Protein backbone atom coordinates (compact mmCIF):
# COMPACT_ATOMS: atom_id res chain seq x y z
CA MET A 1 14.13 140.91 68.50
CA GLY A 2 12.97 141.50 72.06
CA TYR A 3 14.29 144.13 74.45
CA PHE A 4 16.47 144.03 77.54
CA VAL A 5 15.62 145.95 80.69
CA GLY A 6 18.16 147.25 83.20
CA GLU A 7 16.25 145.71 86.09
CA TYR A 8 18.42 146.98 88.90
CA ALA A 9 18.04 150.61 87.77
CA ILE A 10 14.23 150.50 87.82
CA ALA A 11 13.86 148.12 90.79
CA PRO A 12 12.18 149.33 93.99
CA ALA A 13 13.95 148.98 97.33
CA ALA A 14 11.63 146.44 98.96
CA LEU A 15 11.98 142.81 97.86
CA GLU A 16 8.23 142.27 97.79
CA ASP A 17 7.89 145.20 95.37
CA GLU A 18 10.81 143.96 93.28
CA GLU A 19 9.03 140.60 93.03
CA LYS A 20 5.97 142.40 91.62
CA LEU A 21 8.19 144.27 89.17
CA LEU A 22 9.79 141.04 87.94
CA ALA A 23 6.38 139.46 87.51
CA GLY A 24 5.23 142.50 85.53
CA LEU A 25 8.28 142.40 83.28
CA ALA A 26 7.79 138.67 82.75
CA ALA A 27 4.28 139.41 81.52
CA MET A 28 5.57 141.79 78.83
CA SER A 29 5.96 139.81 75.63
CA GLU A 30 8.41 142.38 74.24
CA VAL A 31 10.91 141.82 77.07
CA ARG A 32 13.62 139.35 76.08
CA GLY A 33 15.61 139.50 79.30
CA LEU A 34 17.37 141.64 81.89
CA GLU A 35 20.61 143.50 82.38
CA VAL A 36 21.73 142.37 85.83
CA PRO A 37 24.46 143.92 88.01
CA PHE A 38 27.53 142.17 89.34
CA THR A 39 28.76 143.34 92.75
CA GLY A 40 30.19 140.03 93.92
CA ALA A 41 26.84 138.39 93.16
CA LEU A 42 24.02 139.08 90.68
CA HIS A 43 21.61 140.56 93.20
CA ARG A 44 22.03 143.07 95.99
CA SER A 45 20.72 140.73 98.67
CA ASP A 46 19.94 137.20 97.41
CA GLU A 47 21.11 135.83 94.09
CA LYS A 48 19.09 132.62 94.38
CA TRP A 49 15.98 134.67 95.17
CA LEU A 50 16.43 136.50 91.86
CA PHE A 51 17.12 133.36 89.84
CA ALA A 52 13.91 131.75 91.10
CA ARG A 53 11.89 134.69 89.76
CA LEU A 54 13.35 134.91 86.26
CA ARG A 55 11.69 133.46 83.20
CA ARG A 56 13.69 130.44 82.13
CA ASP A 57 13.44 131.47 78.47
CA TRP A 58 14.91 134.91 79.10
CA ASP A 59 18.42 135.83 77.98
CA HIS A 60 20.52 138.15 80.15
CA VAL A 61 23.33 140.68 80.08
CA VAL A 62 25.65 140.92 83.09
CA THR A 63 27.25 144.31 83.77
CA LEU A 64 30.24 144.89 86.03
CA ILE A 65 29.64 148.65 86.34
CA PRO A 66 28.12 148.57 89.87
CA GLY A 67 30.94 146.43 91.22
CA THR A 68 33.53 148.51 89.39
CA MET A 69 32.23 151.83 90.72
CA GLY A 70 31.90 150.45 94.24
CA THR A 71 35.51 149.27 94.22
CA LEU A 72 36.78 152.55 92.75
CA GLN A 73 35.46 154.37 95.81
CA LYS A 74 38.03 152.46 97.83
CA ASP A 75 40.80 151.99 95.26
CA LYS A 76 41.32 154.65 92.57
CA ALA A 77 43.78 152.41 90.72
CA PHE A 78 41.23 149.60 90.21
CA GLY A 79 40.24 148.70 86.68
CA LEU A 80 40.91 146.64 83.59
CA ALA A 81 42.57 149.69 82.01
CA SER A 82 44.75 150.43 85.03
CA ALA A 83 48.45 151.03 84.44
CA ASP A 84 48.87 149.97 88.06
CA GLU A 85 49.31 146.21 87.80
CA THR A 86 47.83 145.54 91.22
CA GLY A 87 44.70 147.46 90.28
CA ARG A 88 44.51 145.71 86.92
CA GLN A 89 44.85 142.27 88.47
CA ALA A 90 42.13 143.10 91.02
CA ALA A 91 39.75 143.99 88.17
CA ARG A 92 40.74 140.81 86.34
CA ALA A 93 39.85 138.85 89.48
CA MET A 94 36.44 140.57 89.60
CA ALA A 95 35.83 139.59 85.99
CA ARG A 96 36.61 135.97 86.84
CA GLU A 97 34.11 136.13 89.71
CA ALA A 98 31.52 137.56 87.31
CA ARG A 99 32.18 134.67 84.95
CA ALA A 100 31.40 132.26 87.78
CA ALA A 101 28.23 134.20 88.62
CA GLY A 102 27.14 133.96 84.99
CA ALA A 103 27.69 130.21 85.14
CA ARG A 104 25.42 130.06 88.21
CA LEU A 105 22.71 131.93 86.32
CA ASN A 106 23.09 129.57 83.37
CA GLU A 107 22.73 126.60 85.70
CA ALA A 108 19.60 128.04 87.29
CA ALA A 109 18.08 128.62 83.83
CA GLY A 110 19.07 125.18 82.61
CA ARG A 111 20.62 126.72 79.51
CA ALA A 112 23.21 129.26 78.33
CA ALA A 113 21.11 132.28 79.34
CA VAL A 114 23.91 134.87 79.67
CA GLY A 115 24.52 136.28 76.21
CA ALA A 116 26.86 139.15 77.06
CA VAL A 117 29.07 140.36 79.90
CA GLU A 118 29.77 144.10 80.03
CA VAL A 119 33.15 145.34 81.25
CA GLN A 120 34.41 148.91 81.57
CA SER A 121 37.64 150.82 80.88
CA ALA A 122 38.20 151.97 84.47
CA PRO A 123 39.90 153.72 86.19
CA SER A 124 39.40 157.43 85.61
CA ARG A 125 42.01 159.36 83.68
CA GLY A 126 41.00 162.61 85.34
CA PRO A 127 41.60 164.55 88.54
CA ALA A 128 40.38 161.63 90.67
CA GLY A 129 43.91 160.27 90.33
CA GLY A 130 43.31 157.22 88.15
CA THR A 131 45.78 155.72 85.70
CA GLY A 132 43.73 154.60 82.69
CA SER A 133 45.85 153.12 79.91
CA VAL A 134 44.92 151.86 76.44
CA ASP A 135 47.78 149.35 76.54
CA ALA A 136 46.65 147.96 79.89
CA PHE A 137 43.05 147.73 78.70
CA ALA A 138 44.03 145.88 75.52
CA ARG A 139 46.06 143.42 77.60
CA SER A 140 43.16 142.84 79.99
CA LEU A 141 40.66 142.36 77.17
CA ALA A 142 42.93 139.85 75.45
CA GLU A 143 43.21 137.88 78.68
CA LEU A 144 39.46 137.91 79.33
CA ALA A 145 38.66 137.06 75.72
CA ALA A 146 40.75 133.90 75.95
CA TRP A 147 38.58 132.52 78.77
CA ASP A 148 35.55 130.30 78.22
CA TRP A 149 32.49 132.48 78.94
CA PHE A 150 30.02 129.70 78.11
CA GLY A 151 28.92 131.37 74.90
CA ALA A 152 28.65 134.93 76.25
CA ARG A 153 30.24 137.81 74.39
CA ILE A 154 32.56 140.24 76.19
CA VAL A 155 31.24 143.74 75.56
CA VAL A 156 32.86 147.04 76.54
CA GLU A 157 30.20 149.26 78.09
CA HIS A 158 31.28 152.76 77.11
CA CYS A 159 31.02 155.31 79.89
CA ASP A 160 31.75 159.02 79.68
CA GLU A 161 35.39 159.69 78.84
CA HIS A 162 37.72 162.04 80.67
CA ARG A 163 37.71 165.41 78.89
CA PRO A 164 39.97 168.10 80.35
CA GLY A 165 37.91 171.07 81.53
CA HIS A 166 34.61 169.18 81.31
CA PRO A 167 32.79 167.67 84.31
CA GLN A 168 33.00 163.89 84.39
CA HIS A 169 31.05 161.09 86.05
CA LYS A 170 33.19 158.09 85.17
CA GLY A 171 36.02 159.67 83.17
CA PHE A 172 37.18 156.40 81.61
CA LEU A 173 38.81 155.86 78.20
CA SER A 174 37.43 157.43 75.04
CA LEU A 175 35.40 155.29 72.68
CA ALA A 176 38.20 155.57 70.10
CA ASP A 177 40.66 154.18 72.64
CA GLU A 178 38.27 151.39 73.59
CA LEU A 179 37.79 150.44 69.95
CA ALA A 180 41.57 150.39 69.48
CA ALA A 181 41.98 148.12 72.50
CA ILE A 182 39.25 145.81 71.21
CA ALA A 183 40.93 145.56 67.80
CA ARG A 184 44.20 144.55 69.48
CA ALA A 185 42.52 142.03 71.78
CA ASN A 186 40.42 140.32 69.12
CA GLY A 187 43.37 138.27 67.92
CA ALA A 188 43.12 136.15 71.07
CA ALA A 189 39.35 136.16 71.33
CA ARG A 190 37.19 133.05 71.20
CA ARG A 191 34.46 135.42 70.02
CA PRO A 192 35.03 139.01 68.79
CA LEU A 193 34.54 141.62 71.50
CA GLY A 194 31.85 144.27 71.15
CA VAL A 195 30.79 147.71 72.38
CA ASN A 196 27.63 148.83 74.11
CA VAL A 197 26.59 152.48 73.78
CA ASN A 198 24.57 153.85 76.70
CA TRP A 199 22.73 156.86 75.26
CA GLY A 200 22.82 159.03 78.37
CA ARG A 201 26.44 158.36 79.26
CA SER A 202 27.54 159.31 75.75
CA VAL A 203 25.51 162.53 75.92
CA LEU A 204 27.10 163.46 79.26
CA GLU A 205 30.51 163.62 77.54
CA THR A 206 29.64 166.77 75.59
CA TYR A 207 26.16 167.80 76.82
CA ASP A 208 25.00 167.19 73.25
CA ALA A 209 22.47 164.54 72.17
CA GLY A 210 24.42 164.11 68.95
CA ARG A 211 27.24 162.45 70.86
CA ALA A 212 25.24 159.23 71.19
CA VAL A 213 24.71 159.16 67.43
CA GLU A 214 28.44 159.69 66.85
CA HIS A 215 29.31 156.81 69.16
CA VAL A 216 26.85 154.42 67.54
CA GLU A 217 28.17 155.34 64.11
CA ALA A 218 31.79 154.88 65.18
CA ALA A 219 31.16 151.49 66.77
CA ALA A 220 29.16 150.35 63.75
CA ARG A 221 31.93 151.44 61.35
CA ALA A 222 34.41 149.43 63.39
CA GLY A 223 32.18 146.37 63.19
CA ALA A 224 32.04 146.30 67.00
CA LEU A 225 28.55 147.59 67.84
CA SER A 226 26.99 144.95 70.07
CA GLY A 227 24.37 146.79 72.11
CA ILE A 228 22.50 150.04 72.69
CA MET A 229 20.87 150.81 76.02
CA PHE A 230 18.68 153.87 76.33
CA SER A 231 19.15 155.97 79.45
CA GLY A 232 18.30 159.64 79.26
CA ALA A 233 19.95 162.86 80.41
CA SER A 234 19.04 166.52 80.74
CA GLY A 235 20.62 169.88 81.40
CA ALA A 236 17.42 171.11 83.00
CA ASP A 237 16.68 171.31 86.72
CA THR A 238 14.62 168.14 87.04
CA PRO A 239 14.19 165.50 89.78
CA TYR A 240 16.90 163.55 87.94
CA GLY A 241 19.41 166.39 88.28
CA ALA A 242 21.09 168.51 85.62
CA TRP A 243 23.68 166.55 83.63
CA GLN A 244 23.67 163.62 86.02
CA ASP A 245 24.14 159.90 85.34
CA THR A 246 20.79 159.00 86.92
CA HIS A 247 19.24 156.84 84.17
CA MET A 248 16.63 159.47 83.33
CA PRO A 249 13.70 158.11 81.29
CA HIS A 250 12.61 159.26 77.86
CA ALA A 251 10.80 162.52 77.16
CA PRO A 252 6.99 162.47 76.90
CA ALA A 253 5.87 161.16 73.52
CA PRO A 254 2.56 161.24 71.59
CA GLY A 255 0.04 158.60 72.62
CA LEU A 256 2.03 157.48 75.64
CA ARG A 257 1.31 158.16 79.28
CA HIS A 258 4.73 157.99 80.89
CA GLY A 259 7.79 160.15 80.37
CA ALA A 260 10.18 162.58 82.06
CA ALA A 261 9.77 166.25 81.25
CA GLY A 262 13.02 167.87 80.17
CA SER A 263 14.70 164.67 78.98
CA LEU A 264 16.83 165.06 75.86
CA MET A 265 16.07 161.46 74.96
CA THR A 266 13.11 162.25 72.76
CA GLU A 267 11.47 159.88 70.32
CA ALA A 268 13.17 161.76 67.48
CA GLU A 269 16.62 161.28 69.06
CA ILE A 270 15.92 157.60 69.67
CA ARG A 271 15.03 157.23 65.99
CA ARG A 272 18.20 159.06 64.98
CA THR A 273 20.34 156.86 67.22
CA LEU A 274 18.87 153.62 65.92
CA ALA A 275 19.26 154.80 62.32
CA ALA A 276 22.96 155.36 63.03
CA ALA A 277 23.36 151.65 63.78
CA LYS A 278 23.05 151.07 60.02
CA GLY A 279 21.64 147.57 60.34
CA ALA A 280 24.28 146.26 62.76
CA ALA A 281 23.39 142.88 64.24
CA LEU A 282 22.92 143.89 67.87
CA ASP A 283 23.25 141.34 70.64
CA PHE A 284 21.02 143.46 72.86
CA LEU A 285 18.90 146.60 72.74
CA GLY A 286 16.83 148.04 75.51
CA ALA A 287 16.02 150.40 78.34
CA LYS A 288 18.04 151.25 81.43
CA ILE A 289 16.00 153.81 83.32
CA ALA A 290 15.27 154.84 86.88
CA ILE A 291 12.24 156.69 88.19
CA ARG A 292 11.51 159.61 90.48
CA PRO A 293 10.39 159.80 93.16
CA PRO A 294 12.29 156.77 94.53
CA GLU A 295 9.14 155.55 96.28
CA ALA A 296 7.17 155.39 93.00
CA ALA A 297 4.74 152.49 92.75
CA VAL A 298 5.55 149.34 90.83
CA GLU A 299 2.80 150.17 88.33
CA ALA A 300 4.50 153.48 87.48
CA ARG A 301 7.83 151.72 87.00
CA LEU A 302 6.31 149.16 84.66
CA GLY A 303 4.46 151.90 82.82
CA MET A 304 7.63 153.89 82.24
CA VAL A 305 9.51 150.84 80.96
CA GLY A 306 6.60 149.79 78.76
CA ASP A 307 6.30 153.21 77.15
CA LEU A 308 10.03 153.41 76.37
CA LEU A 309 9.88 149.96 74.79
CA ALA A 310 6.89 151.15 72.74
CA ILE A 311 8.97 154.08 71.48
CA LEU A 312 11.79 151.70 70.55
CA ALA A 313 9.35 149.53 68.64
CA ARG A 314 7.97 152.56 66.77
CA ALA A 315 11.46 153.86 66.04
CA ARG A 316 12.60 150.56 64.54
């Protein structure tokens, strides 16, 4: 099994540098494909430019989180879990646009290259004024699951849940609520829906590394664990911020050159998280990390990704 890389998180700002990054990732035999963002298209500036630089044998995961968060800044009722029907229908329309974008990527690859599409249980349930609802989310998932996604699996990307009295970044539904919605929606599904656990976002819920393990175990018990993406987090004062959703890399590890001091995502925690999967057949596994400073060279970005993938290989 190869690994997926959250390309947009690690990508440099300049297109010429992003081209070098893509070439470097393509040269890594352990990379199976990319997690690509949907914001109306699958690249921030030129979708066709990206498609022309992807390996044709790569598989891909499409995530709606950038488009979802961007829309929430303008409309707090937006989301597949919205009890506001206008907001729910707007999110449903975005999902349909993402389906079309995935079809364009498949066409460019000459094959069914999109293996999973990640959706989220927006909007927030917290003080931001959102109206997240399990019933609304189950209804949305059932509708999406009835569509033809050209072989791709619909996967709920768990983000930090709203917890009264605790700082939140996304504040969406709890994993238990998401699993309940998935169970209700699966009756109409062409293919059973899954869950992706993002290590850092789970940890941000409780400021405890054990939260990621709990989420992996819960999703595995429910038979819904589809993916694990490793982003780090830290409570320390680092360039990535204390308890921020900034895709912090892994902690320094023996024999490896690259790492982020202060990260709670140590090699031991990565091992513990993967062990919690209990042999689940994952659709994707990989790294979704950023780098500081933002102007870091392409070589440093590739080095950081390569070292995290080496840790994953050792942990498995």
